[in-house]
C-alpha atoms as a PDB file:
ATOM      1  CA  MET A   1    -101.901 150.200 -56.340  1.00  0.00           C
ATOM      2  CA  ASP A   2     -98.979 148.648 -58.150  1.00  0.00           C
ATOM      3  CA  GLY A   3     -95.390 149.166 -57.175  1.00  0.00           C
ATOM      4  CA  GLY A   4     -94.657 151.636 -59.987  1.00  0.00           C
ATOM      5  CA  ALA A   5     -97.430 153.999 -59.017  1.00  0.00           C
ATOM      6  CA  LYS A   6     -96.445 153.801 -55.378  1.00  0.00           C
ATOM      7  CA  GLY A   7     -92.884 154.735 -56.290  1.00  0.00           C
ATOM      8  CA  GLU A   8     -94.038 157.713 -58.263  1.00  0.00           C
ATOM      9  CA  ASP A   9     -96.119 158.989 -55.330  1.00  0.00           C
ATOM     10  CA  MET A  10     -93.130 158.718 -52.993  1.00  0.00           C
ATOM     11  CA  ALA A  11     -90.975 160.658 -55.463  1.00  0.00           C
ATOM     12  CA  SER A  12     -93.630 163.359 -55.719  1.00  0.00           C
ATOM     13  CA  ASP A  13     -93.782 163.639 -51.941  1.00  0.00           C
ATOM     14  CA  LYS A  14     -90.031 164.086 -51.757  1.00  0.00           C
ATOM     15  CA  VAL A  15     -90.153 166.796 -54.436  1.00  0.00           C
ATOM     16  CA  ARG A  16     -92.936 168.586 -52.594  1.00  0.00           C
ATOM     17  CA  GLU A  17     -91.002 168.275 -49.342  1.00  0.00           C
ATOM     18  CA  LYS A  18     -87.865 169.716 -50.896  1.00  0.00           C
ATOM     19  CA  LEU A  19     -89.893 172.431 -52.569  1.00  0.00           C
ATOM     20  CA  GLY A  20     -91.518 173.291 -49.247  1.00  0.00           C
ATOM     21  CA  ASP A  21     -88.152 173.439 -47.559  1.00  0.00           C
ATOM     22  CA  ALA A  22     -86.869 175.731 -50.291  1.00  0.00           C
ATOM     23  CA  ILE A  23     -89.904 177.989 -50.036  1.00  0.00           C
ATOM     24  CA  GLY A  24     -89.543 178.083 -46.248  1.00  0.00           C
ATOM     25  CA  ALA A  25     -85.882 178.965 -46.527  1.00  0.00           C
ATOM     26  CA  VAL A  26     -86.629 181.734 -49.001  1.00  0.00           C
ATOM     27  CA  ALA A  27     -89.396 183.044 -46.763  1.00  0.00           C
ATOM     28  CA  GLY A  28     -87.042 182.937 -43.787  1.00  0.00           C
ATOM     29  CA  ARG A  29     -84.394 184.804 -45.624  1.00  0.00           C
ATOM     30  CA  ALA A  30     -86.934 187.325 -46.885  1.00  0.00           C
ATOM     31  CA  LYS A  31     -88.148 187.851 -43.337  1.00  0.00           C
ATOM     32  CA  GLU A  32     -84.577 188.241 -42.153  1.00  0.00           C
ATOM     33  CA  TYR A  33     -83.725 190.692 -44.909  1.00  0.00           C
ATOM     34  CA  GLY A  34     -87.005 192.501 -44.372  1.00  0.00           C
ATOM     35  CA  GLY A  35     -86.176 192.923 -40.703  1.00  0.00           C
ATOM     36  CA  LYS A  36     -82.733 194.219 -41.531  1.00  0.00           C
ATOM     37  CA  ALA A  37     -84.197 196.565 -44.119  1.00  0.00           C
ATOM     38  CA  LEU A  38     -86.680 197.849 -41.562  1.00  0.00           C
ATOM     39  CA  VAL A  39     -83.892 198.428 -39.051  1.00  0.00           C
ATOM     40  CA  ALA A  40     -81.824 200.172 -41.712  1.00  0.00           C
ATOM     41  CA  ALA A  41     -84.766 202.321 -42.683  1.00  0.00           C
ATOM     42  CA  LYS A  42     -85.327 203.293 -39.060  1.00  0.00           C
ATOM     43  CA  GLU A  43     -81.654 204.073 -38.582  1.00  0.00           C
ATOM     44  CA  GLY A  44     -81.593 206.071 -41.801  1.00  0.00           C
ATOM     45  CA  SER A  45     -84.663 207.998 -40.719  1.00  0.00           C
ATOM     46  CA  GLN A  46     -83.120 208.713 -37.319  1.00  0.00           C
ATOM     47  CA  LEU A  47     -79.857 209.812 -38.946  1.00  0.00           C
ATOM     48  CA  ALA A  48     -81.762 212.054 -41.342  1.00  0.00           C
ATOM     49  CA  ALA A  49     -83.659 213.578 -38.399  1.00  0.00           C
ATOM     50  CA  GLU A  50     -80.394 214.190 -36.546  1.00  0.00           C
ATOM     51  CA  LYS A  51     -78.855 215.786 -39.637  1.00  0.00           C
ATOM     52  CA  ALA A  52     -81.937 217.962 -40.099  1.00  0.00           C
ATOM     53  CA  GLN A  53     -81.784 219.013 -36.455  1.00  0.00           C
ATOM     54  CA  GLU A  54     -78.070 219.750 -36.771  1.00  0.00           C
ATOM     55  CA  THR A  55     -78.692 221.804 -39.925  1.00  0.00           C
ATOM     56  CA  SER A  56     -81.496 223.703 -38.214  1.00  0.00           C
ATOM     57  CA  TRP A  57     -79.168 224.453 -35.270  1.00  0.00           C
ATOM     58  CA  GLU A  58     -76.456 225.772 -37.559  1.00  0.00           C
ATOM     59  CA  VAL A  59     -78.944 227.890 -39.502  1.00  0.00           C
ATOM     60  CA  ARG A  60     -80.334 229.416 -36.310  1.00  0.00           C
ATOM     61  CA  LYS A  61     -76.821 229.930 -34.943  1.00  0.00           C
ATOM     62  CA  LYS A  62     -75.897 231.902 -38.050  1.00  0.00           C
ATOM     63  CA  LEU A  63     -79.131 233.840 -37.751  1.00  0.00           C
ATOM     64  CA  TYR A  64     -78.581 234.861 -34.109  1.00  0.00           C
ATOM     65  CA  ASN A  65     -74.756 234.947 -34.391  1.00  0.00           C
ATOM     66  CA  PRO A  66     -74.051 234.505 -30.651  1.00  0.00           C
ATOM     67  CA  VAL A  67     -70.595 235.111 -29.155  1.00  0.00           C
ATOM     68  CA  PHE A  68     -69.482 232.678 -26.474  1.00  0.00           C
ATOM     69  CA  PRO A  69     -66.639 233.200 -23.962  1.00  0.00           C
ATOM     70  CA  GLU A  70     -64.366 230.833 -25.909  1.00  0.00           C
ATOM     71  CA  ASP A  71     -65.065 232.795 -29.126  1.00  0.00           C
ATOM     72  CA  TYR A  72     -64.312 236.104 -27.439  1.00  0.00           C
ATOM     73  CA  SER A  73     -61.032 234.874 -25.919  1.00  0.00           C
ATOM     74  CA  ALA A  74     -59.826 233.310 -29.200  1.00  0.00           C
ATOM     75  CA  LEU A  75     -56.758 234.949 -30.745  1.00  0.00           C
ATOM     76  CA  ASP A  76     -58.522 235.434 -34.087  1.00  0.00           C
ATOM     77  CA  PHE A  77     -61.575 237.192 -32.613  1.00  0.00           C
ATOM     78  CA  ASP A  78     -61.867 240.612 -34.272  1.00  0.00           C
ATOM     79  CA  LEU A  79     -63.478 242.955 -31.765  1.00  0.00           C
ATOM     80  CA  PRO A  80     -65.703 245.500 -33.566  1.00  0.00           C
ATOM     81  CA  LYS A  81     -65.111 249.219 -33.008  1.00  0.00           C
ATOM     82  CA  MET A  82     -68.750 249.770 -32.023  1.00  0.00           C
ATOM     83  CA  ILE A  83     -70.292 248.126 -28.958  1.00  0.00           C
ATOM     84  CA  VAL A  84     -73.871 248.264 -27.705  1.00  0.00           C
ATOM     85  CA  ILE A  85     -74.546 247.321 -24.077  1.00  0.00           C
ATOM     86  CA  VAL A  86     -77.717 245.203 -23.950  1.00  0.00           C
ATOM     87  CA  ASP A  87     -79.793 243.295 -21.422  1.00  0.00           C
ATOM     88  CA  GLU A  88     -79.292 239.540 -21.291  1.00  0.00           C
ATOM     89  CA  ASP A  89     -83.069 239.019 -21.338  1.00  0.00           C
ATOM     90  CA  GLU A  90     -83.220 240.119 -24.991  1.00  0.00           C
ATOM     91  CA  ARG A  91     -82.089 236.626 -26.011  1.00  0.00           C
ATOM     92  CA  LYS A  92     -83.546 234.693 -23.094  1.00  0.00           C
ATOM     93  CA  GLY A  93     -85.059 231.327 -24.036  1.00  0.00           C
ATOM     94  CA  ILE A  94     -83.211 231.032 -27.371  1.00  0.00           C
ATOM     95  CA  ASP A  95     -81.363 227.705 -27.213  1.00  0.00           C
ATOM     96  CA  VAL A  96     -78.497 228.636 -29.553  1.00  0.00           C
ATOM     97  CA  CYS A  97     -77.731 231.672 -27.365  1.00  0.00           C
ATOM     98  CA  GLU A  98     -77.510 229.829 -24.059  1.00  0.00           C
ATOM     99  CA  GLY A  99     -74.155 230.602 -22.382  1.00  0.00           C
ATOM    100  CA  ALA A 100     -73.303 233.455 -24.791  1.00  0.00           C
ATOM    101  CA  ILE A 101     -71.994 236.864 -23.676  1.00  0.00           C
ATOM    102  CA  GLY A 102     -73.603 238.721 -26.570  1.00  0.00           C
ATOM    103  CA  TRP A 103     -73.911 238.624 -30.335  1.00  0.00           C
ATOM    104  CA  LEU A 104     -72.589 240.216 -33.527  1.00  0.00           C
ATOM    105  CA  SER A 105     -74.636 242.052 -36.135  1.00  0.00           C
ATOM    106  CA  LYS A 106     -74.192 244.158 -39.268  1.00  0.00           C
ATOM    107  CA  GLN A 107     -75.755 247.619 -39.156  1.00  0.00           C
ATOM    108  CA  ALA A 108     -75.532 249.755 -42.304  1.00  0.00           C
ATOM    109  CA  GLY A 109     -72.290 248.014 -43.237  1.00  0.00           C
ATOM    110  CA  LEU A 110     -70.698 248.323 -39.785  1.00  0.00           C
ATOM    111  CA  GLU A 111     -70.093 245.336 -37.537  1.00  0.00           C
ATOM    112  CA  VAL A 112     -71.514 245.809 -34.050  1.00  0.00           C
ATOM    113  CA  PHE A 113     -70.902 243.794 -30.883  1.00  0.00           C
ATOM    114  CA  HIS A 114     -73.984 243.595 -28.657  1.00  0.00           C
ATOM    115  CA  LEU A 115     -72.466 242.859 -25.243  1.00  0.00           C
ATOM    116  CA  TYR A 116     -74.554 241.739 -22.291  1.00  0.00           C
ATOM    117  CA  GLU A 117     -74.289 244.150 -19.379  1.00  0.00           C
ATOM    118  CA  GLU A 118     -73.721 241.173 -17.096  1.00  0.00           C
ATOM    119  CA  ALA A 119     -70.684 240.133 -19.191  1.00  0.00           C
ATOM    120  CA  VAL A 120     -68.871 243.496 -19.050  1.00  0.00           C
ATOM    121  CA  PRO A 121     -66.492 242.393 -16.232  1.00  0.00           C
ATOM    122  CA  LEU A 122     -65.628 239.260 -18.212  1.00  0.00           C
ATOM    123  CA  SER A 123     -64.862 241.319 -21.350  1.00  0.00           C
ATOM    124  CA  GLY A 124     -61.964 243.199 -19.724  1.00  0.00           C
ATOM    125  CA  LEU A 125     -63.071 246.386 -21.509  1.00  0.00           C
ATOM    126  CA  ARG A 126     -63.428 249.871 -19.997  1.00  0.00           C
ATOM    127  CA  PHE A 127     -66.414 252.034 -20.812  1.00  0.00           C
ATOM    128  CA  TYR A 128     -66.346 255.811 -20.426  1.00  0.00           C
ATOM    129  CA  PRO A 129     -67.867 257.632 -18.672  1.00  0.00           C
ATOM    130  CA  MET A 130     -69.711 254.569 -17.314  1.00  0.00           C
ATOM    131  CA  VAL A 131     -71.445 251.376 -18.405  1.00  0.00           C
ATOM    132  CA  SER A 132     -75.073 251.993 -19.246  1.00  0.00           C
ATOM    133  CA  CYS A 133     -77.543 249.545 -20.738  1.00  0.00           C
ATOM    134  CA  ASP A 134     -78.854 250.441 -24.226  1.00  0.00           C
ATOM    135  CA  SER A 135     -75.939 252.835 -24.787  1.00  0.00           C
ATOM    136  CA  VAL A 136     -73.582 252.808 -27.773  1.00  0.00           C
ATOM    137  CA  TYR A 137     -69.797 253.074 -27.472  1.00  0.00           C
ATOM    138  CA  TYR A 138     -66.950 253.556 -29.946  1.00  0.00           C
ATOM    139  CA  ARG A 139     -63.334 252.474 -29.532  1.00  0.00           C
ATOM    140  CA  ASP A 140     -60.582 254.864 -28.460  1.00  0.00           C
ATOM    141  CA  LYS A 141     -58.063 255.312 -31.271  1.00  0.00           C
ATOM    142  CA  PHE A 142     -55.072 254.745 -28.987  1.00  0.00           C
ATOM    143  CA  ASP A 143     -56.507 252.309 -26.453  1.00  0.00           C
ATOM    144  CA  GLY A 144     -58.217 249.212 -27.829  1.00  0.00           C
ATOM    145  CA  LYS A 145     -59.668 248.346 -24.408  1.00  0.00           C
ATOM    146  CA  ARG A 146     -61.336 251.728 -23.880  1.00  0.00           C
ATOM    147  CA  PHE A 147     -64.734 252.504 -25.403  1.00  0.00           C
ATOM    148  CA  VAL A 148     -66.316 255.959 -25.198  1.00  0.00           C
ATOM    149  CA  ASN A 149     -70.018 256.715 -25.293  1.00  0.00           C
ATOM    150  CA  ILE A 150     -70.963 258.017 -28.751  1.00  0.00           C
ATOM    151  CA  ALA A 151     -72.971 260.844 -27.153  1.00  0.00           C
ATOM    152  CA  CYS A 152     -69.803 262.419 -25.718  1.00  0.00           C
ATOM    153  CA  TYR A 153     -67.163 260.899 -27.978  1.00  0.00           C
ATOM    154  CA  LEU A 154     -65.809 264.055 -29.636  1.00  0.00           C
ATOM    155  CA  GLU A 155     -65.879 266.051 -26.402  1.00  0.00           C
ATOM    156  CA  THR A 156     -63.917 263.307 -24.628  1.00  0.00           C
ATOM    157  CA  ILE A 157     -61.307 263.140 -27.387  1.00  0.00           C
ATOM    158  CA  GLN A 158     -60.972 266.928 -27.347  1.00  0.00           C
ATOM    159  CA  SER A 159     -60.414 266.787 -23.598  1.00  0.00           C
ATOM    160  CA  ASP A 160     -57.707 264.142 -24.100  1.00  0.00           C
ATOM    161  CA  LYS A 161     -55.945 266.394 -26.629  1.00  0.00           C
ATOM    162  CA  ILE A 162     -56.045 269.359 -24.245  1.00  0.00           C
ATOM    163  CA  THR A 163     -54.614 267.241 -21.423  1.00  0.00           C
ATOM    164  CA  GLU A 164     -51.761 266.194 -23.707  1.00  0.00           C
ATOM    165  CA  LEU A 165     -50.992 269.833 -24.581  1.00  0.00           C
ATOM    166  CA  LYS A 166     -50.846 270.709 -20.881  1.00  0.00           C
ATOM    167  CA  GLN A 167     -48.494 267.796 -20.311  1.00  0.00           C
ATOM    168  CA  ILE A 168     -46.256 269.002 -23.143  1.00  0.00           C
ATOM    169  CA  ALA A 169     -45.983 272.452 -21.574  1.00  0.00           C
ATOM    170  CA  TYR A 170     -45.293 270.983 -18.135  1.00  0.00           C
ATOM    171  CA  LYS A 171     -42.648 268.507 -19.332  1.00  0.00           C
ATOM    172  CA  LEU A 172     -40.817 271.180 -21.332  1.00  0.00           C
ATOM    173  CA  GLY A 173     -40.524 273.408 -18.254  1.00  0.00           C
ATOM    174  CA  ALA A 174     -42.963 276.165 -19.277  1.00  0.00           C
ATOM    175  CA  LYS A 175     -43.789 279.103 -16.978  1.00  0.00           C
ATOM    176  CA  ARG A 176     -47.095 279.839 -18.666  1.00  0.00           C
ATOM    177  CA  CYS A 177     -49.251 278.273 -21.346  1.00  0.00           C
ATOM    178  CA  ARG A 178     -52.526 279.204 -22.941  1.00  0.00           C
ATOM    179  CA  LEU A 179     -54.828 277.476 -25.406  1.00  0.00           C
ATOM    180  CA  GLU A 180     -57.412 279.346 -27.427  1.00  0.00           C
ATOM    181  CA  THR A 181     -59.820 277.862 -29.929  1.00  0.00           C
ATOM    182  CA  TYR A 182     -61.697 279.555 -32.688  1.00  0.00           C
ATOM    183  CA  GLU A 183     -64.067 278.258 -35.288  1.00  0.00           C
ATOM    184  CA  GLU A 184     -63.364 279.035 -38.899  1.00  0.00           C
ATOM    185  CA  ALA A 185     -65.900 281.399 -40.397  1.00  0.00           C
ATOM    186  CA  LYS A 186     -68.841 279.734 -42.079  1.00  0.00           C
ATOM    187  CA  THR A 187     -69.482 281.230 -45.481  1.00  0.00           C
ATOM    188  CA  VAL A 188     -72.203 280.962 -48.070  1.00  0.00           C
ATOM    189  CA  LYS A 189     -71.370 282.689 -51.330  1.00  0.00           C
ATOM    190  CA  LEU A 190     -73.053 283.067 -54.671  1.00  0.00           C
ATOM    191  CA  LYS A 191     -70.266 283.911 -57.088  1.00  0.00           C
ATOM    192  CA  LYS A 192     -70.572 286.807 -59.480  1.00  0.00           C
ATOM    193  CA  ARG A 193     -71.190 285.899 -63.079  1.00  0.00           C
ATOM    194  CA  GLN A 194     -72.331 287.610 -66.229  1.00  0.00           C
ATOM    195  CA  VAL A 195     -75.712 286.478 -67.504  1.00  0.00           C
ATOM    196  CA  ALA A 196     -76.715 287.305 -71.060  1.00  0.00           C
ATOM    197  CA  GLY A 197     -80.253 288.502 -71.598  1.00  0.00           C
ATOM    198  CA  LYS A 198     -82.609 290.634 -73.575  1.00  0.00           C
ATOM    199  CA  VAL A 199     -84.707 293.526 -72.392  1.00  0.00           C
ATOM    200  CA  HIS A 200     -88.037 293.903 -74.101  1.00  0.00           C
ATOM    201  CA  GLY A 201     -89.835 297.247 -74.219  1.00  0.00           C
ATOM    202  CA  ARG A 202     -92.209 299.304 -76.299  1.00  0.00           C
ATOM    203  CA  ALA A 203     -91.085 302.578 -77.820  1.00  0.00           C
ATOM    204  CA  TYR A 204     -93.163 305.273 -79.467  1.00  0.00           C
ATOM    205  CA  GLY A 205     -94.486 303.941 -82.697  1.00  0.00           C
ATOM    206  CA  GLY A 206     -93.550 300.278 -82.179  1.00  0.00           C
ATOM    207  CA  ALA A 207     -91.698 297.601 -80.220  1.00  0.00           C
ATOM    208  CA  ALA A 208     -88.046 297.799 -79.173  1.00  0.00           C
ATOM    209  CA  GLU A 209     -85.575 295.146 -78.048  1.00  0.00           C
ATOM    210  CA  ALA A 210     -82.102 295.631 -76.554  1.00  0.00           C
ATOM    211  CA  GLY A 211     -79.396 293.058 -75.831  1.00  0.00           C
ATOM    212  CA  GLY A 212     -76.876 293.167 -72.961  1.00  0.00           C
ATOM    213  CA  SER A 213     -75.856 291.554 -69.708  1.00  0.00           C
ATOM    214  CA  PHE A 214     -76.379 292.039 -65.994  1.00  0.00           C
ATOM    215  CA  GLU A 215     -74.482 290.854 -62.896  1.00  0.00           C
ATOM    216  CA  GLU A 216     -75.974 288.452 -60.350  1.00  0.00           C
ATOM    217  CA  SER A 217     -75.892 289.606 -56.757  1.00  0.00           C
ATOM    218  CA  ARG A 218     -73.619 287.926 -54.166  1.00  0.00           C
ATOM    219  CA  LYS A 219     -74.716 287.026 -50.672  1.00  0.00           C
ATOM    220  CA  GLU A 220     -72.461 286.085 -47.776  1.00  0.00           C
ATOM    221  CA  SER A 221     -73.013 285.112 -44.150  1.00  0.00           C
ATOM    222  CA  GLN A 222     -70.329 284.193 -41.650  1.00  0.00           C
ATOM    223  CA  PHE A 223     -69.495 283.986 -37.981  1.00  0.00           C
ATOM    224  CA  GLN A 224     -66.467 283.211 -35.862  1.00  0.00           C
ATOM    225  CA  LYS A 225     -66.434 281.970 -32.286  1.00  0.00           C
ATOM    226  CA  ARG A 226     -63.363 282.342 -30.068  1.00  0.00           C
ATOM    227  CA  GLU A 227     -62.842 280.712 -26.704  1.00  0.00           C
ATOM    228  CA  VAL A 228     -59.984 280.452 -24.218  1.00  0.00           C
ATOM    229  CA  VAL A 229     -59.852 276.780 -23.288  1.00  0.00           C
ATOM    230  CA  PHE A 230     -57.250 277.087 -20.535  1.00  0.00           C
ATOM    231  CA  ALA A 231     -54.466 279.307 -19.237  1.00  0.00           C
ATOM    232  CA  GLN A 232     -52.021 277.816 -16.761  1.00  0.00           C
ATOM    233  CA  THR A 233     -48.967 278.970 -14.805  1.00  0.00           C
ATOM    234  CA  PHE A 234     -46.086 276.744 -13.623  1.00  0.00           C
ATOM    235  CA  GLU A 235     -42.998 277.208 -11.476  1.00  0.00           C
ATOM    236  CA  GLY A 236     -40.945 277.000 -14.641  1.00  0.00           C
ATOM    237  CA  ASN A 237     -37.753 275.669 -13.078  1.00  0.00           C
ATOM    238  CA  MET A 238     -37.978 272.036 -14.237  1.00  0.00           C
ATOM    239  CA  ALA A 239     -35.388 270.707 -16.660  1.00  0.00           C
ATOM    240  CA  PRO A 240     -37.009 269.968 -20.050  1.00  0.00           C
ATOM    241  CA  GLN A 241     -38.042 266.371 -20.622  1.00  0.00           C
ATOM    242  CA  ARG A 242     -39.443 264.693 -23.697  1.00  0.00           C
ATOM    243  CA  PRO A 243     -43.184 264.112 -23.180  1.00  0.00           C
ATOM    244  CA  ASN A 244     -45.014 260.962 -24.230  1.00  0.00           C
ATOM    245  CA  LEU A 245     -47.175 261.836 -27.219  1.00  0.00           C
ATOM    246  CA  ARG A 246     -50.234 260.225 -28.746  1.00  0.00           C
ATOM    247  CA  TRP A 247     -52.413 262.792 -30.473  1.00  0.00           C
ATOM    248  CA  PHE A 248     -49.539 265.071 -31.427  1.00  0.00           C
ATOM    249  CA  ALA A 249     -46.900 262.434 -32.089  1.00  0.00           C
ATOM    250  CA  HIS A 250     -46.743 263.408 -35.775  1.00  0.00           C
ATOM    251  CA  ASP A 251     -47.185 267.180 -35.425  1.00  0.00           C
ATOM    252  CA  ASN A 252     -44.092 268.843 -36.912  1.00  0.00           C
ATOM    253  CA  GLU A 253     -44.521 272.075 -34.956  1.00  0.00           C
ATOM    254  CA  ILE A 254     -44.633 270.297 -31.609  1.00  0.00           C
ATOM    255  CA  ALA A 255     -41.761 268.005 -32.628  1.00  0.00           C
ATOM    256  CA  SER A 256     -39.670 271.071 -33.483  1.00  0.00           C
ATOM    257  CA  LEU A 257     -40.514 272.720 -30.144  1.00  0.00           C
ATOM    258  CA  ILE A 258     -39.558 269.588 -28.206  1.00  0.00           C
ATOM    259  CA  ASP A 259     -36.288 269.230 -30.092  1.00  0.00           C
ATOM    260  CA  THR A 260     -35.424 272.881 -29.449  1.00  0.00           C
ATOM    261  CA  ARG A 261     -36.186 272.748 -25.737  1.00  0.00           C
ATOM    262  CA  CYS A 262     -34.492 269.409 -25.160  1.00  0.00           C
ATOM    263  CA  SER A 263     -31.365 270.249 -27.124  1.00  0.00           C
ATOM    264  CA  GLU A 264     -28.191 269.668 -25.151  1.00  0.00           C
ATOM    265  CA  SER A 265     -26.278 272.388 -26.974  1.00  0.00           C
ATOM    266  CA  GLY A 266     -27.422 275.085 -24.537  1.00  0.00           C
ATOM    267  CA  GLY A 267     -27.462 277.578 -27.383  1.00  0.00           C
ATOM    268  CA  ASN A 268     -30.397 279.577 -28.672  1.00  0.00           C
ATOM    269  CA  VAL A 269     -33.083 278.300 -26.296  1.00  0.00           C
ATOM    270  CA  THR A 270     -36.743 279.031 -27.053  1.00  0.00           C
ATOM    271  CA  ARG A 271     -38.421 281.445 -24.618  1.00  0.00           C
ATOM    272  CA  GLU A 272     -41.809 281.967 -26.251  1.00  0.00           C
ATOM    273  CA  TYR A 273     -43.630 279.833 -28.741  1.00  0.00           C
ATOM    274  CA  SER A 274     -47.016 280.157 -30.441  1.00  0.00           C
ATOM    275  CA  PHE A 275     -48.536 278.029 -33.189  1.00  0.00           C
ATOM    276  CA  LYS A 276     -51.848 276.954 -34.661  1.00  0.00           C
ATOM    277  CA  ILE A 277     -53.206 273.425 -34.472  1.00  0.00           C
ATOM    278  CA  ASP A 278     -55.586 272.242 -37.170  1.00  0.00           C
ATOM    279  CA  SER A 279     -58.227 269.954 -35.653  1.00  0.00           C
ATOM    280  CA  SER A 280     -58.939 268.307 -39.000  1.00  0.00           C
ATOM    281  CA  VAL A 281     -55.361 266.976 -39.146  1.00  0.00           C
ATOM    282  CA  ASN A 282     -55.822 265.146 -35.831  1.00  0.00           C
ATOM    283  CA  ALA A 283     -59.408 264.053 -36.475  1.00  0.00           C
ATOM    284  CA  VAL A 284     -60.241 260.750 -34.821  1.00  0.00           C
ATOM    285  CA  ILE A 285     -63.202 259.980 -37.099  1.00  0.00           C
ATOM    286  CA  SER A 286     -63.533 260.935 -40.743  1.00  0.00           C
ATOM    287  CA  GLU A 287     -66.747 262.531 -41.991  1.00  0.00           C
ATOM    288  CA  SER A 288     -67.537 259.432 -44.062  1.00  0.00           C
ATOM    289  CA  MET A 289     -67.111 257.127 -41.041  1.00  0.00           C
ATOM    290  CA  ALA A 290     -69.236 259.459 -38.906  1.00  0.00           C
ATOM    291  CA  GLY A 291     -71.946 259.193 -41.574  1.00  0.00           C
ATOM    292  CA  LYS A 292     -71.772 255.380 -41.415  1.00  0.00           C
ATOM    293  CA  ILE A 293     -72.066 255.478 -37.627  1.00  0.00           C
ATOM    294  CA  ASP A 294     -75.129 257.735 -37.915  1.00  0.00           C
ATOM    295  CA  ALA A 295     -76.665 255.263 -40.392  1.00  0.00           C
ATOM    296  CA  ALA A 296     -75.909 252.326 -38.077  1.00  0.00           C
ATOM    297  CA  LEU A 297     -77.509 254.112 -35.121  1.00  0.00           C
ATOM    298  CA  SER A 298     -80.579 254.841 -37.225  1.00  0.00           C
ATOM    299  CA  LYS A 299     -80.868 251.216 -38.370  1.00  0.00           C
ATOM    300  CA  MET A 300     -80.715 250.027 -34.745  1.00  0.00           C
ATOM    301  CA  GLY A 301     -83.551 252.401 -33.878  1.00  0.00           C
ATOM    302  CA  ALA A 302     -81.421 254.666 -31.688  1.00  0.00           C
ATOM    303  CA  LYS A 303     -82.915 258.062 -30.900  1.00  0.00           C
ATOM    304  CA  CYS A 304     -80.304 260.804 -31.268  1.00  0.00           C
ATOM    305  CA  ASN A 305     -80.712 264.556 -30.872  1.00  0.00           C
ATOM    306  CA  PHE A 306     -77.470 265.146 -32.763  1.00  0.00           C
ATOM    307  CA  SER A 307     -75.654 264.066 -35.897  1.00  0.00           C
ATOM    308  CA  LEU A 308     -72.149 262.704 -35.403  1.00  0.00           C
ATOM    309  CA  LYS A 309     -71.263 263.668 -38.959  1.00  0.00           C
ATOM    310  CA  GLY A 310     -72.447 267.223 -38.288  1.00  0.00           C
ATOM    311  CA  GLU A 311     -70.310 267.377 -35.141  1.00  0.00           C
ATOM    312  CA  VAL A 312     -67.265 266.083 -37.017  1.00  0.00           C
ATOM    313  CA  GLU A 313     -67.795 268.716 -39.707  1.00  0.00           C
ATOM    314  CA  SER A 314     -68.046 271.402 -37.022  1.00  0.00           C
ATOM    315  CA  GLU A 315     -64.930 270.067 -35.295  1.00  0.00           C
ATOM    316  CA  SER A 316     -62.984 270.166 -38.563  1.00  0.00           C
ATOM    317  CA  ARG A 317     -63.569 273.925 -38.778  1.00  0.00           C
ATOM    318  CA  LYS A 318     -62.011 274.518 -35.357  1.00  0.00           C
ATOM    319  CA  LYS A 319     -58.436 275.719 -34.966  1.00  0.00           C
ATOM    320  CA  MET A 320     -56.385 275.950 -31.788  1.00  0.00           C
ATOM    321  CA  VAL A 321     -53.698 278.486 -30.939  1.00  0.00           C
ATOM    322  CA  PHE A 322     -51.216 277.211 -28.361  1.00  0.00           C
ATOM    323  CA  GLU A 323     -48.963 279.739 -26.653  1.00  0.00           C
ATOM    324  CA  ILE A 324     -46.080 278.779 -24.343  1.00  0.00           C
ATOM    325  CA  GLU A 325     -43.714 280.986 -22.386  1.00  0.00           C
ATOM    326  CA  PHE A 326     -40.515 279.586 -20.811  1.00  0.00           C
END
């Protein structure tokens, strides 16, 4: 082999060597980048899994809507007017409810707080007449911490009103007081009205027809129930004092009586006083709200042998006559 050929072979070897080095470098970089890409893919997959898990948690949290102690004690927590006392085991084993004291739900448009019986002491709320699992309670109008069992809600409120009337009589220095209730007569009437009509008949020798009118009959049924709620006698020698009012704070008749008895003029002092109290004016629940509560109870599957709306309607027909002698 001559020198020129030998030189060409050496040049070719160097080219191949450089080419091999270049290919090796590219392969190395590709391997490096491939490894990084694999790591990135794994990290991305892990991040996606974490995000999916986080999303699933939030979705389930919204579904179960648990209330935790820190939520309940927050200043912006809006305590619903209706509370159901439930057993903690109803949500046992549900991870998003671990550590909760209950949960919130919407029932026929009303927000309801399902409070665990075990968490009642923590809540700081009072339940009347007592705490009972699977019972429903509604908030006292004048005491946001007191909740009364729906089954005896109206009776309890009526009792509170009567106690306040007794306190009024006592504070004003009455000798005697008496409260009588009566229920407004129920009536069902069909009003009289003239109805045009034709009377068809057959006369001798052919048919006859006469025009005219006749009056529809009217039916009526009613009843009235009276009851003496209480009659009480006092010493009657106490100087009149202004009583603390809740239910009758805006009753003009009672305000006038208090002003008259507590007047410092010593002039024409009231000796006897009698007035009517309209229960509908001091109603704690409107008929429409009572209907919503009935619907909420039905949606929750509660078994009731009464209708709260019906009881409110009956209560609205009741009047009270309060008599005081000084």
